């Protein structure tokens, strides 16, 4: 018989095992995404994301009070406007859906950190992340023209009371453009969390239903990254750091744990977020609904792996459930 190993002896004691655990989760690790839509008195369930819904602004107060009571420190907002157009006009309006949502949340829970997604895919009638132009019969996003409206959008959010802005469109130069416009408008202290390494992933499907943001033509591969590339991610991150990003993000998380680890190793001094995206959430939910996985154990294992890889904060649709499981 083999002698009992030291590790096995340690594992036999639950209290000691917990005390020596290398990676721990807490509600303070989570940012919960919220989908806010035009209208009143509506809470529209998102079929591919059980437990989540599009909320009208009047429903936000109760929602964010529950979120804050669970110990979750922050939310990130995505908006669905009443009217969409080619340039996403509602996104830059001081009376747009996101400024309305920010003000409602701040009135209900002033202590909750409000982060806003800075992008145009939810606001344009074509579903792309900026201003689309046609060149030689081929339509694509005009990067430089989009930088101008990204800056305007960020300032509108800042004026409404956002605590942080998070550009997600992967436009070249977006961090510098937004930082410049914020500084000029008197918001030099407002931090920017950049989606620095965002992949053209198949895991975004449920989000596109939730945000009503599916592209009406083509795809986003010209401005989002090839899932096969990790060195490219480091170049993208390096550019955003040079432009002044205060926080970095890798998206998605579960299939890109190696990228999370690389980014954290290269920039240990900068906070790193990872987005546990809609498809990753939906897979666990579907498997659990069929009895194939234990949702609690699987979800907490996934979230632990993301933090273990190097993420300081995790954007996740499992945030509320995870808080209850951790408390229990």
Protein backbone atom coordinates (compact mmCIF):
# COMPACT_ATOMS: atom_id res chain seq x y z
CA UNK A 1 0.00 0.00 0.00
CA UNK A 2 1.27 3.44 -0.90
CA UNK A 3 1.75 5.79 2.05
CA UNK A 4 -0.77 8.63 2.30
CA UNK A 5 0.63 11.64 0.49
CA UNK A 6 0.85 15.04 2.10
CA UNK A 7 -1.63 16.44 -0.41
CA UNK A 8 -4.11 13.69 0.31
CA UNK A 9 -3.83 14.34 4.05
CA UNK A 10 -4.58 18.02 3.48
CA UNK A 11 -7.56 17.25 1.25
CA UNK A 12 -9.17 15.05 3.89
CA UNK A 13 -9.91 18.06 6.12
CA UNK A 14 -12.61 20.34 4.62
CA UNK A 15 -11.71 23.36 6.77
CA UNK A 16 -8.02 23.05 5.97
CA UNK A 17 -8.79 22.46 2.28
CA UNK A 18 -10.83 25.65 2.17
CA UNK A 19 -8.19 27.62 4.05
CA UNK A 20 -5.47 26.56 1.61
CA UNK A 21 -7.52 27.09 -1.55
CA UNK A 22 -5.39 29.07 -4.00
CA UNK A 23 -8.23 30.78 -5.88
CA UNK A 24 -11.42 32.00 -4.24
CA UNK A 25 -14.54 33.67 -5.62
CA UNK A 26 -16.60 36.38 -3.98
CA UNK A 27 -19.48 38.62 -5.12
CA UNK A 28 -16.94 41.46 -5.41
CA UNK A 29 -15.43 39.67 -8.42
CA UNK A 30 -18.56 40.04 -10.58
CA UNK A 31 -20.01 42.57 -13.02
CA UNK A 32 -23.55 41.80 -14.15
CA UNK A 33 -24.66 42.77 -17.68
CA UNK A 34 -28.12 44.36 -18.00
CA UNK A 35 -30.21 44.90 -21.14
CA UNK A 36 -32.32 48.06 -21.05
CA UNK A 37 -34.98 48.72 -23.67
CA UNK A 38 -37.34 51.54 -24.61
CA UNK A 39 -40.91 51.57 -23.36
CA UNK A 40 -42.54 51.17 -19.98
CA UNK A 41 -43.76 48.35 -17.79
CA UNK A 42 -42.01 45.61 -19.77
CA UNK A 43 -39.78 42.78 -18.72
CA UNK A 44 -39.21 40.65 -21.83
CA UNK A 45 -37.54 37.28 -21.15
CA UNK A 46 -34.54 36.36 -23.30
CA UNK A 47 -35.29 32.84 -24.48
CA UNK A 48 -31.67 31.77 -24.98
CA UNK A 49 -30.58 33.19 -21.61
CA UNK A 50 -32.90 31.79 -18.93
CA UNK A 51 -33.32 34.11 -15.97
CA UNK A 52 -32.44 37.24 -17.96
CA UNK A 53 -34.71 39.78 -19.61
CA UNK A 54 -34.80 43.06 -21.45
CA UNK A 55 -35.97 45.62 -18.88
CA UNK A 56 -37.60 48.99 -19.38
CA UNK A 57 -36.14 51.81 -17.31
CA UNK A 58 -38.98 51.76 -14.76
CA UNK A 59 -38.03 48.18 -13.82
CA UNK A 60 -34.39 49.02 -13.12
CA UNK A 61 -34.78 50.26 -9.55
CA UNK A 62 -36.01 46.93 -8.16
CA UNK A 63 -33.45 45.02 -10.25
CA UNK A 64 -30.43 47.00 -9.12
CA UNK A 65 -31.50 46.99 -5.47
CA UNK A 66 -31.50 43.20 -5.61
CA UNK A 67 -28.11 43.20 -7.34
CA UNK A 68 -26.60 45.49 -4.72
CA UNK A 69 -28.09 43.42 -1.87
CA UNK A 70 -26.22 40.37 -3.16
CA UNK A 71 -22.90 42.22 -2.89
CA UNK A 72 -22.33 42.64 -6.63
CA UNK A 73 -20.46 45.94 -6.99
CA UNK A 74 -21.08 46.81 -10.65
CA UNK A 75 -23.31 46.44 -13.69
CA UNK A 76 -22.61 47.04 -17.37
CA UNK A 77 -25.41 48.43 -19.52
CA UNK A 78 -26.50 47.54 -23.05
CA UNK A 79 -29.32 49.51 -24.63
CA UNK A 80 -32.08 48.78 -27.13
CA UNK A 81 -33.48 52.07 -28.46
CA UNK A 82 -36.94 52.67 -29.88
CA UNK A 83 -35.55 53.84 -33.22
CA UNK A 84 -32.41 52.68 -35.01
CA UNK A 85 -30.71 54.39 -37.92
CA UNK A 86 -27.55 54.11 -40.00
CA UNK A 87 -25.41 56.04 -37.52
CA UNK A 88 -26.98 54.94 -34.23
CA UNK A 89 -28.18 58.42 -33.26
CA UNK A 90 -29.75 57.33 -29.96
CA UNK A 91 -26.33 56.23 -28.73
CA UNK A 92 -25.04 59.81 -28.70
CA UNK A 93 -28.16 61.46 -27.32
CA UNK A 94 -28.24 62.86 -23.79
CA UNK A 95 -31.83 61.62 -23.62
CA UNK A 96 -31.03 58.21 -25.11
CA UNK A 97 -31.85 54.89 -23.51
CA UNK A 98 -28.47 54.48 -21.76
CA UNK A 99 -28.40 57.96 -20.14
CA UNK A 100 -31.97 57.32 -18.93
CA UNK A 101 -30.86 53.99 -17.45
CA UNK A 102 -27.79 55.47 -15.75
CA UNK A 103 -29.87 58.14 -14.05
CA UNK A 104 -32.49 55.61 -12.87
CA UNK A 105 -29.84 53.32 -11.40
CA UNK A 106 -28.02 56.16 -9.64
CA UNK A 107 -31.26 57.32 -8.05
CA UNK A 108 -32.05 53.81 -6.78
CA UNK A 109 -28.57 52.60 -5.78
CA UNK A 110 -25.97 55.39 -5.75
CA UNK A 111 -23.33 52.98 -4.46
CA UNK A 112 -23.56 50.65 -7.48
CA UNK A 113 -20.82 51.16 -10.07
CA UNK A 114 -22.37 51.79 -13.49
CA UNK A 115 -20.30 50.83 -16.53
CA UNK A 116 -21.56 51.50 -20.03
CA UNK A 117 -20.83 49.61 -23.20
CA UNK A 118 -19.59 52.09 -25.82
CA UNK A 119 -20.46 50.66 -29.21
CA UNK A 120 -23.09 51.04 -31.92
CA UNK A 121 -24.23 47.53 -32.85
CA UNK A 122 -27.38 47.83 -30.68
CA UNK A 123 -28.21 51.27 -32.10
CA UNK A 124 -27.66 50.93 -35.87
CA UNK A 125 -30.23 49.54 -38.27
CA UNK A 126 -27.53 47.45 -39.96
CA UNK A 127 -26.21 45.92 -36.70
CA UNK A 128 -22.55 46.82 -37.21
CA UNK A 129 -20.39 48.57 -34.65
CA UNK A 130 -20.04 51.92 -36.41
CA UNK A 131 -20.61 53.90 -39.58
CA UNK A 132 -20.76 51.65 -42.63
CA UNK A 133 -19.43 52.73 -46.03
CA UNK A 134 -19.31 50.94 -49.36
CA UNK A 135 -16.06 50.75 -51.28
CA UNK A 136 -15.85 48.86 -54.55
CA UNK A 137 -19.14 47.10 -53.89
CA UNK A 138 -17.98 45.94 -50.46
CA UNK A 139 -19.50 47.34 -47.25
CA UNK A 140 -17.38 47.74 -44.13
CA UNK A 141 -17.14 49.90 -41.04
CA UNK A 142 -15.36 53.23 -41.52
CA UNK A 143 -12.92 53.10 -38.63
CA UNK A 144 -11.99 56.80 -38.46
CA UNK A 145 -15.55 58.09 -38.85
CA UNK A 146 -16.63 55.72 -36.09
CA UNK A 147 -14.00 57.08 -33.70
CA UNK A 148 -15.73 60.46 -33.79
CA UNK A 149 -19.12 59.11 -32.75
CA UNK A 150 -17.59 56.76 -30.13
CA UNK A 151 -16.17 59.85 -28.43
CA UNK A 152 -19.56 61.55 -28.50
CA UNK A 153 -21.26 58.45 -27.10
CA UNK A 154 -18.78 58.18 -24.22
CA UNK A 155 -19.27 61.85 -23.29
CA UNK A 156 -23.06 61.42 -23.29
CA UNK A 157 -22.69 58.53 -20.85
CA UNK A 158 -20.30 60.53 -18.68
CA UNK A 159 -22.69 63.48 -18.52
CA UNK A 160 -25.46 61.12 -17.38
CA UNK A 161 -23.32 59.86 -14.48
CA UNK A 162 -21.55 56.72 -15.73
CA UNK A 163 -18.68 55.59 -13.49
CA UNK A 164 -16.74 53.92 -16.31
CA UNK A 165 -17.02 53.48 -20.07
CA UNK A 166 -16.14 50.28 -21.92
CA UNK A 167 -15.52 50.55 -25.67
CA UNK A 168 -16.19 47.17 -27.27
CA UNK A 169 -16.09 47.74 -31.02
CA UNK A 170 -12.39 46.92 -31.58
CA UNK A 171 -11.90 50.06 -33.68
CA UNK A 172 -8.26 51.04 -34.15
CA UNK A 173 -7.53 54.06 -31.98
CA UNK A 174 -10.79 53.90 -30.03
CA UNK A 175 -9.22 54.25 -26.58
CA UNK A 176 -7.23 57.35 -27.54
CA UNK A 177 -10.24 58.93 -29.26
CA UNK A 178 -12.50 58.33 -26.26
CA UNK A 179 -9.87 59.42 -23.74
CA UNK A 180 -9.31 62.63 -25.66
CA UNK A 181 -13.01 63.49 -25.88
CA UNK A 182 -13.60 62.69 -22.20
CA UNK A 183 -10.67 64.86 -21.13
CA UNK A 184 -11.82 67.75 -23.31
CA UNK A 185 -15.32 67.50 -21.82
CA UNK A 186 -14.03 67.65 -18.24
CA UNK A 187 -14.14 63.93 -17.43
CA UNK A 188 -10.42 63.28 -17.07
CA UNK A 189 -11.05 61.12 -13.98
CA UNK A 190 -13.46 58.75 -15.73
CA UNK A 191 -11.74 55.39 -16.38
CA UNK A 192 -11.85 53.47 -19.66
CA UNK A 193 -12.13 49.67 -19.65
CA UNK A 194 -11.16 48.53 -23.12
CA UNK A 195 -12.33 45.34 -24.78
CA UNK A 196 -8.69 45.01 -25.77
CA UNK A 197 -8.78 41.42 -27.06
CA UNK A 198 -12.24 40.68 -28.44
CA UNK A 199 -12.59 37.67 -30.71
CA UNK A 200 -15.02 37.08 -33.57
CA UNK A 201 -16.60 34.29 -31.58
CA UNK A 202 -19.47 31.87 -32.14
CA UNK A 203 -20.34 32.28 -28.45
CA UNK A 204 -22.11 35.63 -28.95
CA UNK A 205 -25.34 34.22 -30.39
CA UNK A 206 -27.60 34.65 -27.34
CA UNK A 207 -26.28 38.17 -26.75
CA UNK A 208 -27.34 39.19 -30.24
CA UNK A 209 -30.87 38.09 -29.42
CA UNK A 210 -30.74 39.93 -26.09
CA UNK A 211 -29.36 43.17 -27.55
CA UNK A 212 -31.14 42.85 -30.92
CA UNK A 213 -27.77 43.49 -32.54
CA UNK A 214 -27.22 40.79 -35.15
CA UNK A 215 -25.50 42.16 -38.30
CA UNK A 216 -27.94 42.56 -41.18
CA UNK A 217 -25.19 41.65 -43.66
CA UNK A 218 -21.69 40.21 -43.50
CA UNK A 219 -20.00 39.67 -40.16
CA UNK A 220 -17.56 41.41 -37.81
CA UNK A 221 -14.39 39.55 -38.69
CA UNK A 222 -12.76 42.62 -40.22
CA UNK A 223 -12.62 44.33 -36.82
CA UNK A 224 -12.81 41.46 -34.33
CA UNK A 225 -10.03 38.92 -33.89
CA UNK A 226 -9.47 35.48 -35.38
CA UNK A 227 -9.99 32.86 -32.61
CA UNK A 228 -6.80 31.15 -33.78
CA UNK A 229 -4.55 34.09 -32.85
CA UNK A 230 -3.00 34.73 -29.45
CA UNK A 231 0.06 36.79 -30.41
CA UNK A 232 -2.25 39.19 -32.24
CA UNK A 233 -4.18 39.66 -28.99
CA UNK A 234 -1.00 40.84 -27.29
CA UNK A 235 -0.43 43.40 -30.04
CA UNK A 236 -3.99 44.68 -29.66
CA UNK A 237 -3.59 44.91 -25.90
CA UNK A 238 -0.27 46.73 -26.25
CA UNK A 239 -1.91 49.36 -28.47
CA UNK A 240 -4.74 49.98 -25.98
CA UNK A 241 -2.31 50.26 -23.09
CA UNK A 242 -0.30 52.83 -25.05
CA UNK A 243 -3.51 54.79 -25.76
CA UNK A 244 -4.39 55.04 -22.07
CA UNK A 245 -6.71 52.14 -21.18
CA UNK A 246 -7.20 51.95 -17.41
CA UNK A 247 -8.53 48.39 -17.43
CA UNK A 248 -8.18 45.65 -20.03
CA UNK A 249 -10.62 42.96 -21.08
CA UNK A 250 -10.47 39.59 -22.83
CA UNK A 251 -13.69 38.37 -24.49
CA UNK A 252 -14.85 35.58 -24.48
CA UNK A 253 -13.32 34.02 -21.38
CA UNK A 254 -13.70 30.25 -21.26
CA UNK A 255 -12.10 29.41 -24.61
CA UNK A 256 -9.42 32.08 -24.11
CA UNK A 257 -7.99 31.29 -20.68
CA UNK A 258 -4.54 31.18 -22.25
CA UNK A 259 -4.99 34.73 -23.54
CA UNK A 260 -6.15 35.90 -20.10
CA UNK A 261 -3.00 34.40 -18.58
CA UNK A 262 -0.76 36.00 -21.21
CA UNK A 263 -2.27 39.44 -20.77
CA UNK A 264 -2.06 39.30 -16.98
CA UNK A 265 1.56 38.13 -17.12
CA UNK A 266 2.49 40.94 -19.52
CA UNK A 267 0.60 43.71 -17.66
CA UNK A 268 0.31 42.64 -14.01
CA UNK A 269 -0.09 46.24 -12.88
CA UNK A 270 -3.30 46.80 -14.88
CA UNK A 271 -6.67 45.40 -13.74
CA UNK A 272 -7.91 42.68 -16.08
CA UNK A 273 -11.53 41.81 -16.80
CA UNK A 274 -12.79 38.73 -18.62
CA UNK A 275 -16.24 38.37 -20.16
CA UNK A 276 -17.94 35.03 -19.49
CA UNK A 277 -20.18 35.55 -22.50
CA UNK A 278 -23.77 34.65 -23.34
CA UNK A 279 -23.00 31.45 -25.22
CA UNK A 280 -20.86 30.14 -22.37
CA UNK A 281 -23.73 30.90 -19.98
CA UNK A 282 -26.35 29.35 -22.29
CA UNK A 283 -24.39 26.11 -22.71
CA UNK A 284 -24.31 25.51 -18.97
CA UNK A 285 -27.98 26.42 -18.61
CA UNK A 286 -29.03 24.06 -21.43
CA UNK A 287 -26.94 21.17 -20.16
CA UNK A 288 -28.25 21.65 -16.62
CA UNK A 289 -31.85 21.80 -17.86
CA UNK A 290 -31.30 18.41 -19.51
CA UNK A 291 -29.77 16.94 -16.37
CA UNK A 292 -26.35 16.54 -18.00
CA UNK A 293 -24.48 18.90 -15.67
CA UNK A 294 -24.83 20.21 -12.14
CA UNK A 295 -25.35 23.93 -12.80
CA UNK A 296 -24.02 25.14 -9.47
CA UNK A 297 -20.81 23.11 -9.54
CA UNK A 298 -20.18 23.71 -13.23
CA UNK A 299 -20.77 27.46 -13.08
CA UNK A 300 -18.57 27.98 -10.04
CA UNK A 301 -15.86 25.84 -11.61
CA UNK A 302 -15.98 27.92 -14.80
CA UNK A 303 -15.83 31.19 -12.88
CA UNK A 304 -12.99 29.91 -10.71
CA UNK A 305 -11.01 28.89 -13.78
CA UNK A 306 -11.39 32.40 -15.24
CA UNK A 307 -10.14 34.00 -12.05
CA UNK A 308 -7.35 31.41 -11.71
CA UNK A 309 -6.16 32.31 -15.22
CA UNK A 310 -5.62 35.90 -14.09
CA UNK A 311 -8.88 37.86 -14.32
CA UNK A 312 -9.40 40.39 -11.55
CA UNK A 313 -13.08 40.86 -12.38
CA UNK A 314 -15.53 38.73 -14.35
CA UNK A 315 -18.48 39.94 -16.41
CA UNK A 316 -20.95 37.09 -16.10
CA UNK A 317 -24.65 36.34 -16.48
CA UNK A 318 -24.30 33.86 -13.62
CA UNK A 319 -23.45 36.66 -11.17
CA UNK A 320 -26.66 36.62 -9.11
CA UNK A 321 -26.84 32.83 -8.92
CA UNK A 322 -23.14 32.60 -8.10
CA UNK A 323 -23.56 35.01 -5.20
CA UNK A 324 -26.37 32.90 -3.76
CA UNK A 325 -24.37 29.69 -4.21
CA UNK A 326 -21.31 31.18 -2.58
CA UNK A 327 -23.38 32.40 0.37
CA UNK A 328 -25.01 28.98 0.72
